[in-house]
Every structure is written in structure tokens, then in C-alpha cells.
Amino acid sequence: TYLQINHLSATPVGLDIWAEAEVTAVDGSVITFQVTAFDEAGKIGEGIHKRAVISSKRFLDKTYSKL
């Protein structure tokens, strides 16, 4: 539904990277996450991601109606 990313630092080839996410809000069917990405030297990015909980049948019906 929504994605905001701040790129803070490049990672050299060979370093491990990982991300951590925390649910910061639930508003009806919309869930907001705070996401932080790291490499072995520290924080490399952060952002906000919002997702909506949906009916998979309704989603697939709408998707395949395009065919």
C-alpha cells in the first residue's frame, strides 16, 4: 500500500546485510511497519511500509478478471 525508503549508506560486496521490522500501528486492515536495514558496519537504510490485510479470493478474482 505504501513504501518510503531512506538509503543511508552503500554496502561493499561481501558484507552481510539484514533487516528488522517492527509493527508500529494497526488501523483497521492497515498495518504499519518501521523497517531498518543493517550491514556489518551499521545502519544502511530505514523506512516505513504499510500493508493491508485483504481477502485472497477477492484479490485473485479481481486480478484474473483482467484476462
N, C-alpha and C. Protein backbone atom coordinates (compact mmCIF):
# COMPACT_ATOMS: atom_id res chain seq x y z
N THR A 1 0.81 -1.19 0.00
CA THR A 1 0.00 0.00 0.00
C THR A 1 0.86 1.25 0.00
N TYR A 2 1.94 1.25 0.77
CA TYR A 2 2.79 2.43 0.90
C TYR A 2 4.20 1.99 1.24
N LEU A 3 5.19 2.67 0.67
CA LEU A 3 6.59 2.35 0.95
C LEU A 3 7.40 3.62 0.87
N GLN A 4 8.13 3.93 1.94
CA GLN A 4 9.04 5.07 2.00
C GLN A 4 10.39 4.55 2.44
N ILE A 5 11.43 4.79 1.64
CA ILE A 5 12.75 4.25 1.94
C ILE A 5 13.77 5.38 1.99
N ASN A 6 14.62 5.35 2.99
CA ASN A 6 15.77 6.26 3.08
C ASN A 6 17.04 5.42 2.99
N HIS A 7 17.80 5.61 1.92
CA HIS A 7 19.07 4.91 1.74
C HIS A 7 20.14 5.73 2.43
N LEU A 8 20.82 5.14 3.40
CA LEU A 8 21.77 5.89 4.22
C LEU A 8 23.23 5.61 3.89
N SER A 9 23.52 4.39 3.41
CA SER A 9 24.92 4.03 3.18
C SER A 9 25.01 2.83 2.26
N ALA A 10 26.00 2.84 1.38
CA ALA A 10 26.25 1.70 0.49
C ALA A 10 26.95 0.59 1.27
N THR A 11 26.76 -0.65 0.81
CA THR A 11 27.40 -1.80 1.42
C THR A 11 28.39 -2.40 0.44
N PRO A 12 29.65 -2.56 0.85
CA PRO A 12 30.63 -3.20 -0.03
C PRO A 12 30.25 -4.66 -0.30
N VAL A 13 30.61 -5.15 -1.48
CA VAL A 13 30.40 -6.55 -1.82
C VAL A 13 31.08 -7.43 -0.78
N GLY A 14 30.35 -8.43 -0.33
CA GLY A 14 30.92 -9.39 0.62
C GLY A 14 30.43 -9.23 2.04
N LEU A 15 29.89 -8.06 2.40
CA LEU A 15 29.37 -7.89 3.76
C LEU A 15 27.96 -8.47 3.85
N ASP A 16 27.62 -9.02 4.99
CA ASP A 16 26.26 -9.50 5.23
C ASP A 16 25.34 -8.31 5.49
N ILE A 17 24.09 -8.44 5.05
CA ILE A 17 23.07 -7.43 5.33
C ILE A 17 21.85 -8.12 5.92
N TRP A 18 21.06 -7.37 6.70
CA TRP A 18 19.82 -7.89 7.25
C TRP A 18 18.88 -6.73 7.54
N ALA A 19 17.61 -7.06 7.74
CA ALA A 19 16.61 -6.05 8.05
C ALA A 19 15.80 -6.49 9.26
N GLU A 20 15.33 -5.50 9.99
CA GLU A 20 14.46 -5.73 11.14
C GLU A 20 13.20 -4.90 10.94
N ALA A 21 12.06 -5.49 11.26
CA ALA A 21 10.78 -4.79 11.11
C ALA A 21 10.01 -4.84 12.42
N GLU A 22 9.33 -3.74 12.71
CA GLU A 22 8.51 -3.64 13.92
C GLU A 22 7.15 -3.09 13.52
N VAL A 23 6.09 -3.73 13.99
CA VAL A 23 4.74 -3.20 13.76
C VAL A 23 4.58 -1.99 14.67
N THR A 24 4.27 -0.83 14.06
CA THR A 24 4.12 0.39 14.84
C THR A 24 2.67 0.87 14.94
N ALA A 25 1.80 0.34 14.08
CA ALA A 25 0.40 0.75 14.15
C ALA A 25 -0.47 -0.26 13.42
N VAL A 26 -1.69 -0.40 13.90
CA VAL A 26 -2.72 -1.18 13.22
C VAL A 26 -3.96 -0.31 13.20
N ASP A 27 -4.43 0.01 11.98
CA ASP A 27 -5.60 0.86 11.81
C ASP A 27 -6.58 0.13 10.90
N GLY A 28 -7.51 -0.57 11.51
CA GLY A 28 -8.42 -1.40 10.73
C GLY A 28 -7.63 -2.51 10.06
N SER A 29 -7.69 -2.56 8.73
CA SER A 29 -6.97 -3.62 8.00
C SER A 29 -5.57 -3.19 7.57
N VAL A 30 -5.15 -1.96 7.92
CA VAL A 30 -3.84 -1.46 7.50
C VAL A 30 -2.83 -1.61 8.65
N ILE A 31 -1.71 -2.27 8.35
CA ILE A 31 -0.64 -2.49 9.32
C ILE A 31 0.56 -1.66 8.88
N THR A 32 1.14 -0.89 9.82
CA THR A 32 2.31 -0.06 9.53
C THR A 32 3.52 -0.66 10.21
N PHE A 33 4.61 -0.76 9.43
CA PHE A 33 5.87 -1.30 9.92
C PHE A 33 6.96 -0.25 9.84
N GLN A 34 7.83 -0.20 10.83
CA GLN A 34 9.09 0.56 10.77
C GLN A 34 10.15 -0.47 10.42
N VAL A 35 10.88 -0.25 9.33
CA VAL A 35 11.88 -1.21 8.86
C VAL A 35 13.25 -0.54 8.91
N THR A 36 14.24 -1.27 9.41
CA THR A 36 15.62 -0.78 9.46
C THR A 36 16.53 -1.85 8.87
N ALA A 37 17.42 -1.42 7.97
CA ALA A 37 18.37 -2.34 7.33
C ALA A 37 19.78 -2.05 7.84
N PHE A 38 20.57 -3.12 7.98
CA PHE A 38 21.92 -3.01 8.52
C PHE A 38 22.90 -3.81 7.67
N ASP A 39 24.17 -3.42 7.72
CA ASP A 39 25.24 -4.30 7.30
C ASP A 39 26.18 -4.46 8.50
N GLU A 40 27.28 -5.13 8.32
CA GLU A 40 28.17 -5.42 9.44
C GLU A 40 28.76 -4.17 10.08
N ALA A 41 28.71 -3.02 9.37
CA ALA A 41 29.27 -1.78 9.90
C ALA A 41 28.23 -0.88 10.56
N GLY A 42 26.94 -1.20 10.39
CA GLY A 42 25.90 -0.36 11.00
C GLY A 42 24.67 -0.20 10.13
N LYS A 43 23.87 0.80 10.46
CA LYS A 43 22.61 1.04 9.76
C LYS A 43 22.86 1.55 8.34
N ILE A 44 22.16 0.96 7.36
CA ILE A 44 22.32 1.37 5.96
C ILE A 44 21.04 1.92 5.34
N GLY A 45 19.92 1.72 6.01
CA GLY A 45 18.66 2.21 5.48
C GLY A 45 17.55 2.08 6.49
N GLU A 46 16.47 2.80 6.22
CA GLU A 46 15.30 2.74 7.09
C GLU A 46 14.09 3.15 6.29
N GLY A 47 12.93 2.79 6.79
CA GLY A 47 11.74 3.19 6.07
C GLY A 47 10.47 2.79 6.79
N ILE A 48 9.38 3.15 6.14
CA ILE A 48 8.03 2.84 6.62
C ILE A 48 7.34 2.05 5.53
N HIS A 49 6.66 0.98 5.93
CA HIS A 49 5.94 0.14 4.98
C HIS A 49 4.55 -0.10 5.54
N LYS A 50 3.53 0.15 4.72
CA LYS A 50 2.14 -0.10 5.12
C LYS A 50 1.57 -1.18 4.22
N ARG A 51 0.87 -2.12 4.84
CA ARG A 51 0.24 -3.21 4.12
C ARG A 51 -1.21 -3.32 4.57
N ALA A 52 -2.06 -3.78 3.69
CA ALA A 52 -3.45 -4.01 4.04
C ALA A 52 -3.72 -5.51 4.06
N VAL A 53 -4.45 -5.95 5.05
CA VAL A 53 -4.89 -7.34 5.11
C VAL A 53 -6.09 -7.44 4.17
N ILE A 54 -6.01 -8.38 3.22
CA ILE A 54 -7.06 -8.49 2.21
C ILE A 54 -7.57 -9.92 2.10
N SER A 55 -8.66 -10.06 1.40
CA SER A 55 -9.19 -11.38 1.07
C SER A 55 -8.46 -11.89 -0.16
N SER A 56 -7.79 -13.03 -0.03
CA SER A 56 -7.04 -13.55 -1.18
C SER A 56 -7.97 -13.93 -2.32
N LYS A 57 -9.15 -14.47 -2.03
CA LYS A 57 -10.09 -14.83 -3.10
C LYS A 57 -10.52 -13.59 -3.86
N ARG A 58 -10.87 -12.53 -3.15
CA ARG A 58 -11.30 -11.29 -3.82
C ARG A 58 -10.16 -10.72 -4.66
N PHE A 59 -8.94 -10.73 -4.12
CA PHE A 59 -7.77 -10.24 -4.84
C PHE A 59 -7.55 -11.03 -6.12
N LEU A 60 -7.57 -12.37 -6.03
CA LEU A 60 -7.34 -13.19 -7.20
C LEU A 60 -8.47 -13.05 -8.22
N ASP A 61 -9.71 -12.98 -7.76
CA ASP A 61 -10.83 -12.77 -8.69
C ASP A 61 -10.65 -11.48 -9.48
N LYS A 62 -10.28 -10.41 -8.79
CA LYS A 62 -10.07 -9.11 -9.45
C LYS A 62 -8.88 -9.18 -10.40
N THR A 63 -7.81 -9.84 -9.98
CA THR A 63 -6.61 -9.95 -10.82
C THR A 63 -6.92 -10.71 -12.10
N TYR A 64 -7.57 -11.87 -11.98
CA TYR A 64 -7.83 -12.69 -13.16
C TYR A 64 -8.96 -12.15 -14.03
N SER A 65 -9.72 -11.19 -13.52
CA SER A 65 -10.77 -10.60 -14.35
C SER A 65 -10.19 -9.76 -15.49
N LYS A 66 -8.88 -9.48 -15.41
CA LYS A 66 -8.21 -8.71 -16.46
C LYS A 66 -7.95 -9.55 -17.71
N LEU A 67 -8.00 -10.86 -17.57
CA LEU A 67 -7.70 -11.73 -18.71
C LEU A 67 -8.85 -11.81 -19.68
